[in-house]
Amino acid sequence: MRRIIVIALCVYLLMIAAGAGVYLYLGDTMKKAPSPALKASDTAPAPGKAAEKKSAGAARQQRADALRSEMKCVDRKGITLYTFDYPKKPEPGVYLRPFVVSDGMAYELKFDLYYFYDIDDAQKTAWIHGDALEITTDSGVHTLFFFLAGSLG
């Protein structure tokens, strides 16, 4: 019995040594130095491209500033919401109202879904039922599914 344990231990140590050798061999080949054929001028951007990037960045910043000037800023318990002013009672229809949420570290784009309707109901008991909404845009038809809490399980 002791001989079997010693043989098994030797085979195990041999496997560990072979694995370590393969790991070190592949690790050395993966860390090759970059070829000296690259010149410093190859890695530096061309002056024309740098100017284009700078002007594109300035144009993007200008568009962002214009968008921020139109947005309303609301602080709620350490979280900042950036949104637009919307009419209190728009025309009947479905509206996606985007807003940006920030905690000072990260930003997240969210939206509220509003469905305004005008139903001639004297008793004010009309309801609209459904579990999905199809939104048609220039890029195609998008389906938005609604899930109620407790209906998933």
N, C-alpha and C. Protein backbone atom coordinates (compact mmCIF):
# COMPACT_ATOMS: atom_id res chain seq x y z
N MET A 1 0.82 -1.19 0.00
CA MET A 1 0.00 0.00 0.00
C MET A 1 0.87 1.26 0.00
N ARG A 2 1.96 1.21 0.76
CA ARG A 2 2.86 2.35 0.84
C ARG A 2 3.52 2.62 -0.51
N ARG A 3 3.82 1.57 -1.25
CA ARG A 3 4.45 1.70 -2.56
C ARG A 3 3.51 2.41 -3.54
N ILE A 4 2.22 2.12 -3.50
CA ILE A 4 1.23 2.75 -4.40
C ILE A 4 1.15 4.25 -4.11
N ILE A 5 1.17 4.61 -2.85
CA ILE A 5 1.10 6.02 -2.48
C ILE A 5 2.35 6.75 -2.96
N VAL A 6 3.51 6.16 -2.82
CA VAL A 6 4.76 6.79 -3.26
C VAL A 6 4.75 6.95 -4.78
N ILE A 7 4.29 5.94 -5.52
CA ILE A 7 4.23 6.04 -6.99
C ILE A 7 3.24 7.13 -7.40
N ALA A 8 2.08 7.17 -6.76
CA ALA A 8 1.09 8.20 -7.09
C ALA A 8 1.64 9.59 -6.81
N LEU A 9 2.34 9.75 -5.71
CA LEU A 9 2.94 11.03 -5.36
C LEU A 9 4.00 11.44 -6.38
N CYS A 10 4.80 10.50 -6.86
CA CYS A 10 5.81 10.79 -7.87
C CYS A 10 5.17 11.21 -9.20
N VAL A 11 4.11 10.51 -9.60
CA VAL A 11 3.40 10.86 -10.83
C VAL A 11 2.79 12.26 -10.71
N TYR A 12 2.22 12.57 -9.54
CA TYR A 12 1.62 13.88 -9.29
C TYR A 12 2.67 14.98 -9.38
N LEU A 13 3.84 14.78 -8.75
CA LEU A 13 4.91 15.77 -8.81
C LEU A 13 5.45 15.93 -10.22
N LEU A 14 5.50 14.84 -10.99
CA LEU A 14 5.93 14.91 -12.38
C LEU A 14 4.95 15.75 -13.21
N MET A 15 3.65 15.58 -12.96
CA MET A 15 2.64 16.36 -13.68
C MET A 15 2.75 17.85 -13.32
N ILE A 16 3.00 18.16 -12.08
CA ILE A 16 3.15 19.55 -11.66
C ILE A 16 4.38 20.17 -12.32
N ALA A 17 5.47 19.43 -12.37
CA ALA A 17 6.69 19.94 -12.99
C ALA A 17 6.49 20.16 -14.48
N ALA A 18 5.80 19.22 -15.16
CA ALA A 18 5.54 19.39 -16.59
C ALA A 18 4.66 20.60 -16.84
N GLY A 19 3.63 20.79 -16.02
CA GLY A 19 2.74 21.95 -16.16
C GLY A 19 3.47 23.26 -15.94
N ALA A 20 4.34 23.30 -14.93
CA ALA A 20 5.12 24.51 -14.66
C ALA A 20 6.07 24.81 -15.82
N GLY A 21 6.67 23.78 -16.40
CA GLY A 21 7.58 23.98 -17.53
C GLY A 21 6.84 24.55 -18.74
N VAL A 22 5.66 24.01 -19.03
CA VAL A 22 4.86 24.52 -20.16
C VAL A 22 4.44 25.96 -19.90
N TYR A 23 4.04 26.24 -18.67
CA TYR A 23 3.62 27.60 -18.31
C TYR A 23 4.77 28.59 -18.49
N LEU A 24 5.93 28.25 -18.00
CA LEU A 24 7.07 29.16 -18.12
C LEU A 24 7.49 29.32 -19.57
N TYR A 25 7.45 28.24 -20.36
CA TYR A 25 7.82 28.33 -21.77
C TYR A 25 6.86 29.23 -22.53
N LEU A 26 5.55 29.04 -22.33
CA LEU A 26 4.57 29.87 -23.04
C LEU A 26 4.58 31.30 -22.51
N GLY A 27 4.85 31.47 -21.23
CA GLY A 27 4.91 32.82 -20.67
C GLY A 27 6.06 33.62 -21.26
N ASP A 28 7.20 32.99 -21.51
CA ASP A 28 8.34 33.68 -22.10
C ASP A 28 8.07 34.06 -23.54
N THR A 29 7.40 33.21 -24.30
CA THR A 29 7.14 33.52 -25.70
C THR A 29 6.08 34.60 -25.85
N MET A 30 5.20 34.76 -24.87
CA MET A 30 4.15 35.77 -24.97
C MET A 30 4.69 37.16 -24.63
N LYS A 31 5.81 37.25 -23.93
CA LYS A 31 6.34 38.54 -23.49
C LYS A 31 7.48 39.02 -24.38
N LYS A 32 7.35 38.84 -25.67
CA LYS A 32 8.41 39.28 -26.57
C LYS A 32 8.42 40.81 -26.62
N ALA A 33 9.60 41.36 -26.75
CA ALA A 33 9.74 42.81 -26.86
C ALA A 33 9.27 43.27 -28.23
N PRO A 34 8.75 44.49 -28.33
CA PRO A 34 8.35 44.98 -29.65
C PRO A 34 9.56 45.10 -30.57
N SER A 35 9.30 44.91 -31.83
CA SER A 35 10.42 44.92 -32.78
C SER A 35 11.04 46.31 -32.87
N PRO A 36 12.37 46.37 -32.99
CA PRO A 36 13.04 47.67 -33.05
C PRO A 36 12.82 48.37 -34.39
N ALA A 37 12.12 47.73 -35.31
CA ALA A 37 11.90 48.33 -36.62
C ALA A 37 10.94 49.52 -36.54
N LEU A 38 10.14 49.60 -35.46
CA LEU A 38 9.24 50.73 -35.32
C LEU A 38 10.03 51.98 -34.99
N LYS A 39 9.74 53.03 -35.68
CA LYS A 39 10.42 54.29 -35.44
C LYS A 39 9.53 55.16 -34.56
N ALA A 40 10.09 56.16 -33.96
CA ALA A 40 9.32 57.08 -33.12
C ALA A 40 8.30 57.83 -33.95
N SER A 41 8.59 58.08 -35.21
CA SER A 41 7.64 58.81 -36.06
C SER A 41 6.42 57.95 -36.39
N ASP A 42 6.56 56.60 -36.33
CA ASP A 42 5.41 55.73 -36.59
C ASP A 42 4.42 55.78 -35.44
N THR A 43 4.88 55.96 -34.25
CA THR A 43 3.98 55.95 -33.10
C THR A 43 3.37 57.32 -32.84
N ALA A 44 3.99 58.39 -33.29
CA ALA A 44 3.45 59.74 -33.08
C ALA A 44 2.39 60.03 -34.13
N PRO A 45 1.24 60.61 -33.74
CA PRO A 45 0.22 60.91 -34.72
C PRO A 45 0.66 62.03 -35.65
N ALA A 46 0.15 61.99 -36.85
CA ALA A 46 0.46 63.02 -37.82
C ALA A 46 -0.15 64.35 -37.35
N PRO A 47 0.49 65.49 -37.69
CA PRO A 47 -0.03 66.77 -37.23
C PRO A 47 -1.44 67.05 -37.74
N GLY A 48 -1.76 66.62 -38.94
CA GLY A 48 -3.11 66.83 -39.48
C GLY A 48 -4.17 66.06 -38.71
N LYS A 49 -3.82 64.83 -38.33
CA LYS A 49 -4.78 64.01 -37.57
C LYS A 49 -4.99 64.58 -36.18
N ALA A 50 -3.94 65.10 -35.57
CA ALA A 50 -4.07 65.69 -34.24
C ALA A 50 -4.98 66.91 -34.28
N ALA A 51 -4.84 67.71 -35.31
CA ALA A 51 -5.69 68.90 -35.45
C ALA A 51 -7.15 68.50 -35.68
N GLU A 52 -7.36 67.43 -36.47
CA GLU A 52 -8.73 66.96 -36.71
C GLU A 52 -9.36 66.45 -35.42
N LYS A 53 -8.58 65.70 -34.64
CA LYS A 53 -9.10 65.18 -33.37
C LYS A 53 -9.44 66.32 -32.42
N LYS A 54 -8.58 67.34 -32.40
CA LYS A 54 -8.80 68.48 -31.51
C LYS A 54 -10.05 69.24 -31.92
N SER A 55 -10.24 69.46 -33.22
CA SER A 55 -11.43 70.20 -33.68
C SER A 55 -12.69 69.37 -33.47
N ALA A 56 -12.59 68.04 -33.66
CA ALA A 56 -13.76 67.18 -33.41
C ALA A 56 -14.11 67.18 -31.93
N GLY A 57 -13.10 67.16 -31.07
CA GLY A 57 -13.34 67.20 -29.63
C GLY A 57 -13.97 68.53 -29.22
N ALA A 58 -13.50 69.63 -29.83
CA ALA A 58 -14.07 70.95 -29.52
C ALA A 58 -15.52 71.04 -29.99
N ALA A 59 -15.81 70.47 -31.16
CA ALA A 59 -17.18 70.49 -31.68
C ALA A 59 -18.10 69.65 -30.79
N ARG A 60 -17.61 68.49 -30.34
CA ARG A 60 -18.41 67.64 -29.45
C ARG A 60 -18.68 68.34 -28.12
N GLN A 61 -17.67 69.03 -27.60
CA GLN A 61 -17.83 69.76 -26.34
C GLN A 61 -18.81 70.91 -26.51
N GLN A 62 -18.79 71.56 -27.66
CA GLN A 62 -19.72 72.66 -27.93
C GLN A 62 -21.16 72.13 -28.00
N ARG A 63 -21.37 70.97 -28.65
CA ARG A 63 -22.71 70.38 -28.71
C ARG A 63 -23.18 69.97 -27.32
N ALA A 64 -22.26 69.41 -26.52
CA ALA A 64 -22.61 68.99 -25.16
C ALA A 64 -22.98 70.21 -24.30
N ASP A 65 -22.26 71.31 -24.44
CA ASP A 65 -22.57 72.52 -23.68
C ASP A 65 -23.92 73.09 -24.09
N ALA A 66 -24.23 73.05 -25.39
CA ALA A 66 -25.53 73.54 -25.86
C ALA A 66 -26.66 72.68 -25.30
N LEU A 67 -26.44 71.37 -25.25
CA LEU A 67 -27.45 70.46 -24.72
C LEU A 67 -27.62 70.68 -23.22
N ARG A 68 -26.51 70.87 -22.50
CA ARG A 68 -26.60 71.11 -21.05
C ARG A 68 -27.33 72.41 -20.74
N SER A 69 -27.16 73.42 -21.59
CA SER A 69 -27.83 74.70 -21.33
C SER A 69 -29.35 74.58 -21.45
N GLU A 70 -29.83 73.62 -22.25
CA GLU A 70 -31.26 73.40 -22.40
C GLU A 70 -31.84 72.53 -21.29
N MET A 71 -30.98 71.80 -20.57
CA MET A 71 -31.46 70.84 -19.58
C MET A 71 -31.67 71.50 -18.22
N LYS A 72 -32.58 70.89 -17.47
CA LYS A 72 -32.88 71.33 -16.11
C LYS A 72 -32.16 70.38 -15.16
N CYS A 73 -31.57 70.92 -14.09
CA CYS A 73 -30.80 70.14 -13.13
C CYS A 73 -31.58 70.05 -11.82
N VAL A 74 -31.83 68.81 -11.35
CA VAL A 74 -32.58 68.59 -10.11
C VAL A 74 -31.73 67.69 -9.20
N ASP A 75 -31.48 68.14 -7.97
CA ASP A 75 -30.74 67.34 -6.99
C ASP A 75 -31.71 66.64 -6.07
N ARG A 76 -31.53 65.30 -5.94
CA ARG A 76 -32.38 64.50 -5.05
C ARG A 76 -31.51 63.58 -4.21
N LYS A 77 -31.28 63.94 -2.96
CA LYS A 77 -30.55 63.12 -1.99
C LYS A 77 -29.20 62.65 -2.52
N GLY A 78 -28.40 63.56 -3.04
CA GLY A 78 -27.06 63.22 -3.51
C GLY A 78 -26.99 62.73 -4.93
N ILE A 79 -28.12 62.61 -5.59
CA ILE A 79 -28.16 62.18 -6.99
C ILE A 79 -28.69 63.34 -7.82
N THR A 80 -28.03 63.61 -8.92
CA THR A 80 -28.41 64.71 -9.78
C THR A 80 -29.11 64.16 -11.02
N LEU A 81 -30.27 64.72 -11.34
CA LEU A 81 -31.01 64.37 -12.54
C LEU A 81 -30.93 65.52 -13.52
N TYR A 82 -30.56 65.23 -14.74
CA TYR A 82 -30.55 66.23 -15.80
C TYR A 82 -31.68 65.86 -16.75
N THR A 83 -32.63 66.76 -16.91
CA THR A 83 -33.79 66.49 -17.74
C THR A 83 -34.22 67.75 -18.46
N PHE A 84 -35.22 67.65 -19.28
CA PHE A 84 -35.76 68.79 -20.02
C PHE A 84 -37.08 69.21 -19.40
N ASP A 85 -37.50 70.42 -19.69
CA ASP A 85 -38.83 70.86 -19.28
C ASP A 85 -39.83 70.33 -20.30
N TYR A 86 -40.86 69.69 -19.80
CA TYR A 86 -41.89 69.14 -20.67
C TYR A 86 -43.21 69.82 -20.37
N PRO A 87 -44.12 69.85 -21.34
CA PRO A 87 -45.43 70.44 -21.07
C PRO A 87 -46.20 69.61 -20.05
N LYS A 88 -47.03 70.26 -19.24
CA LYS A 88 -47.80 69.54 -18.22
C LYS A 88 -48.79 68.57 -18.85
N LYS A 89 -49.46 68.98 -19.91
CA LYS A 89 -50.45 68.13 -20.56
C LYS A 89 -50.22 68.17 -22.07
N PRO A 90 -49.40 67.27 -22.59
CA PRO A 90 -49.15 67.28 -24.04
C PRO A 90 -50.32 66.65 -24.80
N GLU A 91 -50.15 66.60 -26.09
CA GLU A 91 -51.15 65.95 -26.94
C GLU A 91 -51.21 64.46 -26.60
N PRO A 92 -52.37 63.81 -26.79
CA PRO A 92 -52.45 62.37 -26.50
C PRO A 92 -51.43 61.58 -27.32
N GLY A 93 -50.81 60.61 -26.66
CA GLY A 93 -49.82 59.77 -27.32
C GLY A 93 -48.83 59.21 -26.32
N VAL A 94 -47.84 58.51 -26.84
CA VAL A 94 -46.80 57.89 -26.01
C VAL A 94 -45.54 58.74 -26.11
N TYR A 95 -44.93 58.99 -24.96
CA TYR A 95 -43.73 59.81 -24.90
C TYR A 95 -42.65 59.10 -24.10
N LEU A 96 -41.46 59.06 -24.65
CA LEU A 96 -40.28 58.62 -23.91
C LEU A 96 -39.54 59.88 -23.51
N ARG A 97 -39.39 60.08 -22.22
CA ARG A 97 -38.73 61.28 -21.73
C ARG A 97 -37.37 60.90 -21.16
N PRO A 98 -36.29 61.17 -21.92
CA PRO A 98 -34.96 60.78 -21.45
C PRO A 98 -34.46 61.71 -20.35
N PHE A 99 -33.64 61.15 -19.48
CA PHE A 99 -32.93 61.95 -18.49
C PHE A 99 -31.64 61.25 -18.12
N VAL A 100 -30.71 62.01 -17.59
CA VAL A 100 -29.40 61.50 -17.19
C VAL A 100 -29.32 61.55 -15.68
N VAL A 101 -28.88 60.45 -15.07
CA VAL A 101 -28.72 60.35 -13.62
C VAL A 101 -27.23 60.32 -13.31
N SER A 102 -26.81 61.11 -12.32
CA SER A 102 -25.41 61.14 -11.93
C SER A 102 -25.30 61.17 -10.42
N ASP A 103 -24.31 60.41 -9.91
CA ASP A 103 -24.00 60.46 -8.49
C ASP A 103 -22.67 61.17 -8.26
N GLY A 104 -22.19 61.86 -9.26
CA GLY A 104 -20.92 62.57 -9.17
C GLY A 104 -19.76 61.75 -9.70
N MET A 105 -19.92 60.44 -9.79
CA MET A 105 -18.85 59.56 -10.26
C MET A 105 -19.18 58.97 -11.63
N ALA A 106 -20.43 58.61 -11.83
CA ALA A 106 -20.83 57.96 -13.08
C ALA A 106 -22.14 58.56 -13.57
N TYR A 107 -22.41 58.38 -14.85
CA TYR A 107 -23.63 58.87 -15.46
C TYR A 107 -24.38 57.69 -16.06
N GLU A 108 -25.70 57.77 -16.04
CA GLU A 108 -26.52 56.70 -16.60
C GLU A 108 -27.71 57.33 -17.31
N LEU A 109 -27.98 56.88 -18.52
CA LEU A 109 -29.10 57.36 -19.31
C LEU A 109 -30.32 56.51 -18.99
N LYS A 110 -31.41 57.16 -18.61
CA LYS A 110 -32.66 56.47 -18.33
C LYS A 110 -33.78 57.20 -19.03
N PHE A 111 -34.98 56.62 -18.98
CA PHE A 111 -36.11 57.32 -19.54
C PHE A 111 -37.37 56.97 -18.78
N ASP A 112 -38.30 57.89 -18.81
CA ASP A 112 -39.64 57.66 -18.28
C ASP A 112 -40.56 57.47 -19.46
N LEU A 113 -41.51 56.59 -19.31
CA LEU A 113 -42.49 56.33 -20.35
C LEU A 113 -43.80 56.96 -19.92
N TYR A 114 -44.31 57.87 -20.72
CA TYR A 114 -45.58 58.54 -20.43
C TYR A 114 -46.56 58.22 -21.54
N TYR A 115 -47.77 57.88 -21.14
CA TYR A 115 -48.85 57.67 -22.10
C TYR A 115 -49.97 58.62 -21.72
N PHE A 116 -50.15 59.65 -22.51
CA PHE A 116 -51.23 60.60 -22.28
C PHE A 116 -52.37 60.25 -23.21
N TYR A 117 -53.57 60.23 -22.66
CA TYR A 117 -54.73 59.90 -23.48
C TYR A 117 -55.88 60.81 -23.12
N ASP A 118 -56.82 60.88 -24.00
CA ASP A 118 -58.01 61.70 -23.81
C ASP A 118 -59.21 60.84 -24.20
N ILE A 119 -59.82 60.22 -23.19
CA ILE A 119 -60.97 59.35 -23.41
C ILE A 119 -62.20 60.06 -22.90
N ASP A 120 -63.22 60.06 -23.72
CA ASP A 120 -64.47 60.70 -23.32
C ASP A 120 -65.24 59.73 -22.43
N ASP A 121 -65.01 59.81 -21.12
CA ASP A 121 -65.63 58.92 -20.15
C ASP A 121 -66.13 59.78 -18.99
N ALA A 122 -67.41 59.91 -18.87
CA ALA A 122 -68.00 60.78 -17.85
C ALA A 122 -67.67 60.29 -16.44
N GLN A 123 -67.57 58.96 -16.24
CA GLN A 123 -67.31 58.43 -14.91
C GLN A 123 -65.82 58.32 -14.58
N LYS A 124 -64.96 58.60 -15.56
CA LYS A 124 -63.50 58.54 -15.39
C LYS A 124 -63.05 57.14 -14.94
N THR A 125 -63.60 56.11 -15.55
CA THR A 125 -63.26 54.74 -15.19
C THR A 125 -62.54 54.01 -16.33
N ALA A 126 -62.15 54.71 -17.37
CA ALA A 126 -61.52 54.06 -18.52
C ALA A 126 -60.09 53.65 -18.19
N TRP A 127 -59.71 52.45 -18.63
CA TRP A 127 -58.36 51.93 -18.44
C TRP A 127 -57.82 51.47 -19.77
N ILE A 128 -56.53 51.49 -19.89
CA ILE A 128 -55.86 50.96 -21.07
C ILE A 128 -55.06 49.76 -20.60
N HIS A 129 -55.31 48.60 -21.21
CA HIS A 129 -54.65 47.36 -20.79
C HIS A 129 -53.65 46.93 -21.86
N GLY A 130 -52.55 46.35 -21.41
CA GLY A 130 -51.56 45.84 -22.35
C GLY A 130 -50.30 45.43 -21.61
N ASP A 131 -49.49 44.60 -22.26
CA ASP A 131 -48.24 44.17 -21.65
C ASP A 131 -47.03 44.54 -22.50
N ALA A 132 -47.26 45.24 -23.61
CA ALA A 132 -46.15 45.64 -24.47
C ALA A 132 -46.55 46.89 -25.24
N LEU A 133 -45.53 47.58 -25.71
CA LEU A 133 -45.74 48.80 -26.48
C LEU A 133 -44.82 48.74 -27.68
N GLU A 134 -45.37 48.96 -28.87
CA GLU A 134 -44.56 49.01 -30.08
C GLU A 134 -44.29 50.46 -30.43
N ILE A 135 -43.02 50.78 -30.58
CA ILE A 135 -42.61 52.14 -30.90
C ILE A 135 -41.99 52.11 -32.29
N THR A 136 -42.55 52.90 -33.22
CA THR A 136 -42.05 52.96 -34.57
C THR A 136 -41.20 54.22 -34.72
N THR A 137 -39.96 54.03 -35.13
CA THR A 137 -39.04 55.15 -35.34
C THR A 137 -38.47 55.05 -36.74
N ASP A 138 -37.59 55.97 -37.07
CA ASP A 138 -36.94 55.93 -38.38
C ASP A 138 -36.08 54.69 -38.55
N SER A 139 -35.55 54.17 -37.44
CA SER A 139 -34.66 53.00 -37.54
C SER A 139 -35.41 51.67 -37.45
N GLY A 140 -36.72 51.70 -37.29
CA GLY A 140 -37.48 50.45 -37.26
C GLY A 140 -38.51 50.43 -36.16
N VAL A 141 -39.06 49.25 -35.93
CA VAL A 141 -40.08 49.07 -34.91
C VAL A 141 -39.43 48.42 -33.69
N HIS A 142 -39.64 49.01 -32.53
CA HIS A 142 -39.07 48.51 -31.28
C HIS A 142 -40.21 48.16 -30.34
N THR A 143 -40.11 47.01 -29.69
CA THR A 143 -41.13 46.56 -28.77
C THR A 143 -40.61 46.69 -27.35
N LEU A 144 -41.38 47.35 -26.50
CA LEU A 144 -41.04 47.54 -25.10
C LEU A 144 -42.03 46.72 -24.28
N PHE A 145 -41.53 45.71 -23.56
CA PHE A 145 -42.38 44.83 -22.76
C PHE A 145 -42.48 45.35 -21.34
N PHE A 146 -43.66 45.24 -20.76
CA PHE A 146 -43.89 45.65 -19.38
C PHE A 146 -44.01 44.42 -18.51
N PHE A 147 -43.34 44.42 -17.38
CA PHE A 147 -43.43 43.34 -16.43
C PHE A 147 -43.90 43.90 -15.10
N LEU A 148 -44.85 43.27 -14.51
CA LEU A 148 -45.34 43.70 -13.21
C LEU A 148 -44.60 42.93 -12.14
N ALA A 149 -44.37 43.56 -11.01
CA ALA A 149 -43.69 42.89 -9.90
C ALA A 149 -44.53 41.70 -9.46
N GLY A 150 -43.88 40.56 -9.34
CA GLY A 150 -44.57 39.35 -8.90
C GLY A 150 -45.06 38.49 -10.06
N SER A 151 -45.06 39.02 -11.29
CA SER A 151 -45.55 38.23 -12.41
C SER A 151 -44.45 37.43 -13.09
N LEU A 152 -43.21 37.60 -12.67
CA LEU A 152 -42.11 36.88 -13.30
C LEU A 152 -41.93 35.49 -12.75
N GLY A 153 -42.40 35.22 -11.56
CA GLY A 153 -42.13 33.92 -10.93
C GLY A 153 -43.30 33.10 -10.85
